[in-house]
Full PDB file with SEQRES, HELIX, SHEET, SSBOND, CRYST1, ORIGX, SCALE, CONECT and MASTER records, all heavy atoms in Angstrom:
SEQRES   1 A   30  ALA LEU HIS GLU VAL VAL ARG LYS ALA PRO LEU ASP ARG          
SEQRES   2 A   30  LEU LEU VAL GLU THR ASP ALA PRO TYR LEU ALA PRO VAL          
SEQRES   3 A   30  PRO PHE ARG GLY                                              
HELIX    1 AA1 LEU A    2  LYS A    8  1                                   7    
HELIX    2 AA2 LEU A   11  ARG A   13  5                                   3    
CRYST1    1.000    1.000    1.000  90.00  90.00  90.00 P 1           1          
ORIGX1      1.000000  0.000000  0.000000        0.00000                         
ORIGX2      0.000000  1.000000  0.000000        0.00000                         
ORIGX3      0.000000  0.000000  1.000000        0.00000                         
SCALE1      1.000000  0.000000  0.000000        0.00000                         
SCALE2      0.000000  1.000000  0.000000        0.00000                         
SCALE3      0.000000  0.000000  1.000000        0.00000                         
ATOM      1  N   ALA A   1      84.963  70.762  90.949  1.00  0.00           N  
ATOM      2  CA  ALA A   1      86.141  70.164  90.319  1.00  0.00           C  
ATOM      3  C   ALA A   1      87.431  70.499  91.045  1.00  0.00           C  
ATOM      4  O   ALA A   1      88.512  70.124  90.583  1.00  0.00           O  
ATOM      5  CB  ALA A   1      86.228  70.621  88.864  1.00  0.00           C  
ATOM      6  N   LEU A   2      87.326  71.167  92.191  1.00  0.00           N  
ATOM      7  CA  LEU A   2      88.522  71.688  92.835  1.00  0.00           C  
ATOM      8  C   LEU A   2      89.478  70.590  93.282  1.00  0.00           C  
ATOM      9  O   LEU A   2      90.702  70.768  93.225  1.00  0.00           O  
ATOM     10  CB  LEU A   2      88.123  72.572  94.022  1.00  0.00           C  
ATOM     11  CG  LEU A   2      89.168  73.547  94.551  1.00  0.00           C  
ATOM     12  CD1 LEU A   2      89.757  74.410  93.450  1.00  0.00           C  
ATOM     13  CD2 LEU A   2      88.562  74.419  95.656  1.00  0.00           C  
ATOM     14  N   HIS A   3      88.960  69.446  93.706  1.00  0.00           N  
ATOM     15  CA  HIS A   3      89.857  68.368  94.121  1.00  0.00           C  
ATOM     16  C   HIS A   3      90.709  67.890  92.952  1.00  0.00           C  
ATOM     17  O   HIS A   3      91.917  67.667  93.099  1.00  0.00           O  
ATOM     18  CB  HIS A   3      89.059  67.199  94.701  1.00  0.00           C  
ATOM     19  CG  HIS A   3      88.600  67.428  96.105  1.00  0.00           C  
ATOM     20  ND1 HIS A   3      87.996  66.456  96.869  1.00  0.00           N  
ATOM     21  CD2 HIS A   3      88.659  68.540  96.896  1.00  0.00           C  
ATOM     22  CE1 HIS A   3      87.699  66.941  98.070  1.00  0.00           C  
ATOM     23  NE2 HIS A   3      88.091  68.205  98.096  1.00  0.00           N  
ATOM     24  N   GLU A   4      90.092  67.741  91.796  1.00  0.00           N  
ATOM     25  CA  GLU A   4      90.851  67.319  90.624  1.00  0.00           C  
ATOM     26  C   GLU A   4      91.917  68.348  90.272  1.00  0.00           C  
ATOM     27  O   GLU A   4      93.067  67.991  89.970  1.00  0.00           O  
ATOM     28  CB  GLU A   4      89.918  67.125  89.426  1.00  0.00           C  
ATOM     29  CG  GLU A   4      90.644  66.683  88.161  1.00  0.00           C  
ATOM     30  CD  GLU A   4      89.757  66.602  86.951  1.00  0.00           C  
ATOM     31  OE1 GLU A   4      88.621  67.143  86.997  1.00  0.00           O  
ATOM     32  OE2 GLU A   4      90.187  66.017  85.929  1.00  0.00           O  
ATOM     33  N   VAL A   5      91.564  69.613  90.332  1.00  0.00           N  
ATOM     34  CA  VAL A   5      92.512  70.677  90.018  1.00  0.00           C  
ATOM     35  C   VAL A   5      93.692  70.641  90.972  1.00  0.00           C  
ATOM     36  O   VAL A   5      94.860  70.728  90.559  1.00  0.00           O  
ATOM     37  CB  VAL A   5      91.813  72.052  90.054  1.00  0.00           C  
ATOM     38  CG1 VAL A   5      92.836  73.174  89.971  1.00  0.00           C  
ATOM     39  CG2 VAL A   5      90.799  72.159  88.923  1.00  0.00           C  
ATOM     40  N   VAL A   6      93.406  70.480  92.257  1.00  0.00           N  
ATOM     41  CA  VAL A   6      94.471  70.473  93.262  1.00  0.00           C  
ATOM     42  C   VAL A   6      95.397  69.278  93.068  1.00  0.00           C  
ATOM     43  O   VAL A   6      96.619  69.391  93.206  1.00  0.00           O  
ATOM     44  CB  VAL A   6      93.868  70.478  94.680  1.00  0.00           C  
ATOM     45  CG1 VAL A   6      94.928  70.143  95.730  1.00  0.00           C  
ATOM     46  CG2 VAL A   6      93.241  71.835  94.984  1.00  0.00           C  
ATOM     47  N   ARG A   7      94.837  68.156  92.723  1.00  0.00           N  
ATOM     48  CA  ARG A   7      95.668  66.960  92.523  1.00  0.00           C  
ATOM     49  C   ARG A   7      96.568  67.076  91.301  1.00  0.00           C  
ATOM     50  O   ARG A   7      97.704  66.626  91.305  1.00  0.00           O  
ATOM     51  CB  ARG A   7      94.774  65.723  92.384  1.00  0.00           C  
ATOM     52  CG  ARG A   7      94.078  65.278  93.669  1.00  0.00           C  
ATOM     53  CD  ARG A   7      93.420  63.913  93.475  1.00  0.00           C  
ATOM     54  NE  ARG A   7      92.733  63.458  94.681  1.00  0.00           N  
ATOM     55  CZ  ARG A   7      91.409  63.474  94.837  1.00  0.00           C  
ATOM     56  NH1 ARG A   7      90.640  63.924  93.860  1.00  0.00           N  
ATOM     57  NH2 ARG A   7      90.865  63.049  95.959  1.00  0.00           N  
ATOM     58  N   LYS A   8      96.064  67.687  90.236  1.00  0.00           N  
ATOM     59  CA  LYS A   8      96.773  67.682  88.956  1.00  0.00           C  
ATOM     60  C   LYS A   8      97.683  68.880  88.732  1.00  0.00           C  
ATOM     61  O   LYS A   8      98.650  68.788  87.961  1.00  0.00           O  
ATOM     62  CB  LYS A   8      95.750  67.613  87.811  1.00  0.00           C  
ATOM     63  CG  LYS A   8      95.011  66.293  87.694  1.00  0.00           C  
ATOM     64  CD  LYS A   8      94.083  66.318  86.484  1.00  0.00           C  
ATOM     65  CE  LYS A   8      93.416  64.975  86.255  1.00  0.00           C  
ATOM     66  NZ  LYS A   8      92.519  65.013  85.060  1.00  0.00           N  
ATOM     67  N   ALA A   9      97.390  70.005  89.355  1.00  0.00           N  
ATOM     68  CA  ALA A   9      98.152  71.224  89.073  1.00  0.00           C  
ATOM     69  C   ALA A   9      99.581  71.116  89.588  1.00  0.00           C  
ATOM     70  O   ALA A   9      99.838  70.484  90.619  1.00  0.00           O  
ATOM     71  CB  ALA A   9      97.464  72.425  89.712  1.00  0.00           C  
ATOM     72  N   PRO A  10     100.532  71.725  88.901  1.00  0.00           N  
ATOM     73  CA  PRO A  10     101.911  71.751  89.417  1.00  0.00           C  
ATOM     74  C   PRO A  10     101.936  72.463  90.773  1.00  0.00           C  
ATOM     75  O   PRO A  10     101.325  73.524  90.935  1.00  0.00           O  
ATOM     76  CB  PRO A  10     102.665  72.556  88.359  1.00  0.00           C  
ATOM     77  CG  PRO A  10     101.807  72.522  87.143  1.00  0.00           C  
ATOM     78  CD  PRO A  10     100.397  72.431  87.616  1.00  0.00           C  
ATOM     79  N   LEU A  11     102.631  71.901  91.707  1.00  0.00           N  
ATOM     80  CA  LEU A  11     102.656  72.479  93.048  1.00  0.00           C  
ATOM     81  C   LEU A  11     103.271  73.871  93.044  1.00  0.00           C  
ATOM     82  O   LEU A  11     102.905  74.716  93.864  1.00  0.00           O  
ATOM     83  CB  LEU A  11     103.425  71.563  94.004  1.00  0.00           C  
ATOM     84  CG  LEU A  11     103.485  72.006  95.475  1.00  0.00           C  
ATOM     85  CD1 LEU A  11     102.102  72.279  96.044  1.00  0.00           C  
ATOM     86  CD2 LEU A  11     104.213  70.950  96.315  1.00  0.00           C  
ATOM     87  N   ASP A  12     104.180  74.115  92.108  1.00  0.00           N  
ATOM     88  CA  ASP A  12     104.808  75.431  92.091  1.00  0.00           C  
ATOM     89  C   ASP A  12     103.917  76.519  91.485  1.00  0.00           C  
ATOM     90  O   ASP A  12     104.357  77.645  91.285  1.00  0.00           O  
ATOM     91  CB  ASP A  12     106.166  75.391  91.380  1.00  0.00           C  
ATOM     92  CG  ASP A  12     106.065  75.020  89.916  1.00  0.00           C  
ATOM     93  OD1 ASP A  12     104.942  74.787  89.413  1.00  0.00           O  
ATOM     94  OD2 ASP A  12     107.121  74.964  89.255  1.00  0.00           O  
ATOM     95  N   ARG A  13     102.643  76.178  91.231  1.00  0.00           N  
ATOM     96  CA  ARG A  13     101.697  77.172  90.723  1.00  0.00           C  
ATOM     97  C   ARG A  13     100.458  77.280  91.606  1.00  0.00           C  
ATOM     98  O   ARG A  13      99.454  77.873  91.187  1.00  0.00           O  
ATOM     99  CB  ARG A  13     101.286  76.796  89.303  1.00  0.00           C  
ATOM    100  CG  ARG A  13     102.463  76.666  88.374  1.00  0.00           C  
ATOM    101  CD  ARG A  13     103.102  77.986  88.049  1.00  0.00           C  
ATOM    102  NE  ARG A  13     102.275  78.670  87.086  1.00  0.00           N  
ATOM    103  CZ  ARG A  13     102.204  78.337  85.800  1.00  0.00           C  
ATOM    104  NH1 ARG A  13     102.930  77.327  85.327  1.00  0.00           N  
ATOM    105  NH2 ARG A  13     101.447  79.001  84.985  1.00  0.00           N  
ATOM    106  N   LEU A  14     100.535  76.726  92.821  1.00  0.00           N  
ATOM    107  CA  LEU A  14      99.401  76.791  93.742  1.00  0.00           C  
ATOM    108  C   LEU A  14      99.657  77.775  94.874  1.00  0.00           C  
ATOM    109  O   LEU A  14     100.780  77.896  95.376  1.00  0.00           O  
ATOM    110  CB  LEU A  14      99.109  75.412  94.347  1.00  0.00           C  
ATOM    111  CG  LEU A  14      98.591  74.320  93.416  1.00  0.00           C  
ATOM    112  CD1 LEU A  14      98.323  73.051  94.209  1.00  0.00           C  
ATOM    113  CD2 LEU A  14      97.324  74.766  92.677  1.00  0.00           C  
ATOM    114  N   LEU A  15      98.601  78.461  95.275  1.00  0.00           N  
ATOM    115  CA  LEU A  15      98.587  79.322  96.450  1.00  0.00           C  
ATOM    116  C   LEU A  15      97.420  78.895  97.331  1.00  0.00           C  
ATOM    117  O   LEU A  15      96.524  78.174  96.883  1.00  0.00           O  
ATOM    118  CB  LEU A  15      98.398  80.791  96.049  1.00  0.00           C  
ATOM    119  CG  LEU A  15      99.375  81.371  95.025  1.00  0.00           C  
ATOM    120  CD1 LEU A  15      98.897  82.748  94.573  1.00  0.00           C  
ATOM    121  CD2 LEU A  15     100.770  81.462  95.605  1.00  0.00           C  
ATOM    122  N   VAL A  16      97.424  79.347  98.566  1.00  0.00           N  
ATOM    123  CA  VAL A  16      96.286  79.101  99.456  1.00  0.00           C  
ATOM    124  C   VAL A  16      95.774  80.442  99.981  1.00  0.00           C  
ATOM    125  O   VAL A  16      96.544  81.380 100.183  1.00  0.00           O  
ATOM    126  CB  VAL A  16      96.635  78.155 100.616  1.00  0.00           C  
ATOM    127  CG1 VAL A  16      96.784  76.732 100.122  1.00  0.00           C  
ATOM    128  CG2 VAL A  16      97.891  78.606 101.349  1.00  0.00           C  
ATOM    129  N   GLU A  17      94.468  80.507 100.197  1.00  0.00           N  
ATOM    130  CA  GLU A  17      93.848  81.750 100.638  1.00  0.00           C  
ATOM    131  C   GLU A  17      92.612  81.451 101.492  1.00  0.00           C  
ATOM    132  O   GLU A  17      92.109  80.319 101.494  1.00  0.00           O  
ATOM    133  CB  GLU A  17      93.411  82.577  99.437  1.00  0.00           C  
ATOM    134  CG  GLU A  17      92.317  81.928  98.607  1.00  0.00           C  
ATOM    135  CD  GLU A  17      91.629  82.907  97.668  1.00  0.00           C  
ATOM    136  OE1 GLU A  17      92.163  83.111  96.551  1.00  0.00           O  
ATOM    137  OE2 GLU A  17      90.575  83.452  98.043  1.00  0.00           O  
ATOM    138  N   THR A  18      92.138  82.480 102.177  1.00  0.00           N  
ATOM    139  CA  THR A  18      90.887  82.341 102.925  1.00  0.00           C  
ATOM    140  C   THR A  18      89.716  83.039 102.254  1.00  0.00           C  
ATOM    141  O   THR A  18      88.585  82.588 102.339  1.00  0.00           O  
ATOM    142  CB  THR A  18      91.021  82.914 104.346  1.00  0.00           C  
ATOM    143  OG1 THR A  18      91.411  84.280 104.284  1.00  0.00           O  
ATOM    144  CG2 THR A  18      91.997  82.102 105.175  1.00  0.00           C  
ATOM    145  N   ASP A  19      89.937  84.191 101.638  1.00  0.00           N  
ATOM    146  CA  ASP A  19      88.868  85.112 101.232  1.00  0.00           C  
ATOM    147  C   ASP A  19      88.092  85.576 102.463  1.00  0.00           C  
ATOM    148  O   ASP A  19      86.898  85.878 102.381  1.00  0.00           O  
ATOM    149  CB  ASP A  19      87.927  84.496 100.197  1.00  0.00           C  
ATOM    150  CG  ASP A  19      87.134  85.549  99.421  1.00  0.00           C  
ATOM    151  OD1 ASP A  19      87.568  86.728  99.412  1.00  0.00           O  
ATOM    152  OD2 ASP A  19      86.081  85.204  98.844  1.00  0.00           O  
ATOM    153  N   ALA A  20      88.779  85.609 103.604  1.00  0.00           N  
ATOM    154  CA  ALA A  20      88.129  86.043 104.849  1.00  0.00           C  
ATOM    155  C   ALA A  20      87.518  87.433 104.666  1.00  0.00           C  
ATOM    156  O   ALA A  20      88.125  88.292 104.010  1.00  0.00           O  
ATOM    157  CB  ALA A  20      89.172  86.076 105.972  1.00  0.00           C  
ATOM    158  N   PRO A  21      86.304  87.619 105.202  1.00  0.00           N  
ATOM    159  CA  PRO A  21      85.564  86.791 106.152  1.00  0.00           C  
ATOM    160  C   PRO A  21      84.663  85.728 105.537  1.00  0.00           C  
ATOM    161  O   PRO A  21      83.833  85.137 106.239  1.00  0.00           O  
ATOM    162  CB  PRO A  21      84.702  87.837 106.867  1.00  0.00           C  
ATOM    163  CG  PRO A  21      84.386  88.829 105.805  1.00  0.00           C  
ATOM    164  CD  PRO A  21      85.639  88.925 104.975  1.00  0.00           C  
ATOM    165  N   TYR A  22      84.808  85.464 104.234  1.00  0.00           N  
ATOM    166  CA  TYR A  22      83.922  84.518 103.548  1.00  0.00           C  
ATOM    167  C   TYR A  22      84.547  83.121 103.461  1.00  0.00           C  
ATOM    168  O   TYR A  22      85.736  82.937 103.684  1.00  0.00           O  
ATOM    169  CB  TYR A  22      83.632  85.017 102.125  1.00  0.00           C  
ATOM    170  CG  TYR A  22      83.131  86.430 102.067  1.00  0.00           C  
ATOM    171  CD1 TYR A  22      83.870  87.433 101.433  1.00  0.00           C  
ATOM    172  CD2 TYR A  22      81.926  86.786 102.661  1.00  0.00           C  
ATOM    173  CE1 TYR A  22      83.413  88.737 101.374  1.00  0.00           C  
ATOM    174  CE2 TYR A  22      81.463  88.092 102.617  1.00  0.00           C  
ATOM    175  CZ  TYR A  22      82.211  89.065 101.979  1.00  0.00           C  
ATOM    176  OH  TYR A  22      81.768  90.358 101.932  1.00  0.00           O  
ATOM    177  N   LEU A  23      83.704  82.134 103.120  1.00  0.00           N  
ATOM    178  CA  LEU A  23      84.143  80.790 102.729  1.00  0.00           C  
ATOM    179  C   LEU A  23      84.986  80.083 103.786  1.00  0.00           C  
ATOM    180  O   LEU A  23      86.015  79.474 103.473  1.00  0.00           O  
ATOM    181  CB  LEU A  23      84.921  80.851 101.403  1.00  0.00           C  
ATOM    182  CG  LEU A  23      84.145  81.392 100.204  1.00  0.00           C  
ATOM    183  CD1 LEU A  23      85.055  81.462  98.980  1.00  0.00           C  
ATOM    184  CD2 LEU A  23      82.923  80.528  99.907  1.00  0.00           C  
ATOM    185  N   ALA A  24      84.575  80.160 105.034  1.00  0.00           N  
ATOM    186  CA  ALA A  24      85.310  79.463 106.092  1.00  0.00           C  
ATOM    187  C   ALA A  24      85.377  77.967 105.802  1.00  0.00           C  
ATOM    188  O   ALA A  24      84.381  77.355 105.409  1.00  0.00           O  
ATOM    189  CB  ALA A  24      84.641  79.691 107.447  1.00  0.00           C  
ATOM    190  N   PRO A  25      86.542  77.368 105.958  1.00  0.00           N  
ATOM    191  CA  PRO A  25      86.688  75.942 105.660  1.00  0.00           C  
ATOM    192  C   PRO A  25      86.056  75.075 106.745  1.00  0.00           C  
ATOM    193  O   PRO A  25      85.788  75.534 107.866  1.00  0.00           O  
ATOM    194  CB  PRO A  25      88.209  75.757 105.643  1.00  0.00           C  
ATOM    195  CG  PRO A  25      88.705  76.792 106.623  1.00  0.00           C  
ATOM    196  CD  PRO A  25      87.795  77.979 106.439  1.00  0.00           C  
ATOM    197  N   VAL A  26      85.828  73.814 106.407  1.00  0.00           N  
ATOM    198  CA  VAL A  26      85.514  72.827 107.433  1.00  0.00           C  
ATOM    199  C   VAL A  26      86.702  72.779 108.392  1.00  0.00           C  
ATOM    200  O   VAL A  26      87.858  72.767 107.931  1.00  0.00           O  
ATOM    201  CB  VAL A  26      85.288  71.444 106.769  1.00  0.00           C  
ATOM    202  CG1 VAL A  26      85.101  70.365 107.832  1.00  0.00           C  
ATOM    203  CG2 VAL A  26      84.084  71.512 105.823  1.00  0.00           C  
ATOM    204  N   PRO A  27      86.524  72.831 109.713  1.00  0.00           N  
ATOM    205  CA  PRO A  27      85.283  72.665 110.477  1.00  0.00           C  
ATOM    206  C   PRO A  27      84.634  73.975 110.931  1.00  0.00           C  
ATOM    207  O   PRO A  27      83.900  73.958 111.927  1.00  0.00           O  
ATOM    208  CB  PRO A  27      85.787  71.877 111.695  1.00  0.00           C  
ATOM    209  CG  PRO A  27      87.141  72.481 111.949  1.00  0.00           C  
ATOM    210  CD  PRO A  27      87.711  72.788 110.586  1.00  0.00           C  
ATOM    211  N   PHE A  28      84.856  75.061 110.225  1.00  0.00           N  
ATOM    212  CA  PHE A  28      84.329  76.358 110.653  1.00  0.00           C  
ATOM    213  C   PHE A  28      83.248  76.894 109.728  1.00  0.00           C  
ATOM    214  O   PHE A  28      82.927  78.078 109.782  1.00  0.00           O  
ATOM    215  CB  PHE A  28      85.477  77.383 110.733  1.00  0.00           C  
ATOM    216  CG  PHE A  28      86.568  76.985 111.670  1.00  0.00           C  
ATOM    217  CD1 PHE A  28      87.770  76.480 111.179  1.00  0.00           C  
ATOM    218  CD2 PHE A  28      86.416  77.091 113.040  1.00  0.00           C  
ATOM    219  CE1 PHE A  28      88.785  76.107 112.036  1.00  0.00           C  
ATOM    220  CE2 PHE A  28      87.428  76.728 113.901  1.00  0.00           C  
ATOM    221  CZ  PHE A  28      88.611  76.227 113.402  1.00  0.00           C  
ATOM    222  N   ARG A  29      82.683  76.055 108.875  1.00  0.00           N  
ATOM    223  CA  ARG A  29      81.675  76.526 107.921  1.00  0.00           C  
ATOM    224  C   ARG A  29      80.526  77.223 108.655  1.00  0.00           C  
ATOM    225  O   ARG A  29      80.070  76.775 109.700  1.00  0.00           O  
ATOM    226  CB  ARG A  29      81.118  75.385 107.080  1.00  0.00           C  
ATOM    227  CG  ARG A  29      82.051  74.927 105.996  1.00  0.00           C  
ATOM    228  CD  ARG A  29      81.347  74.069 104.959  1.00  0.00           C  
ATOM    229  NE  ARG A  29      80.486  74.877 104.091  1.00  0.00           N  
ATOM    230  CZ  ARG A  29      79.755  74.369 103.101  1.00  0.00           C  
ATOM    231  NH1 ARG A  29      79.780  73.046 102.881  1.00  0.00           N  
ATOM    232  NH2 ARG A  29      79.012  75.137 102.339  1.00  0.00           N  
ATOM    233  N   GLY A  30      80.094  78.335 108.081  1.00  0.00           N  
ATOM    234  CA  GLY A  30      79.024  79.100 108.703  1.00  0.00           C  
ATOM    235  C   GLY A  30      79.503  80.150 109.670  1.00  0.00           C  
ATOM    236  O   GLY A  30      78.719  80.976 110.134  1.00  0.00           O  
TER     237      GLY A  30                                                      
MASTER        0    0    0    2    0    0    0    6  236    1    0    3          
END                                                                             
């Protein structure tokens, strides 16, 4: 459901993170 959450949530309440070394985004998955 993350896409829906990102679209609907107020922008002033969003942060971005990596959780590095886990959960590498596309195009670095794996």
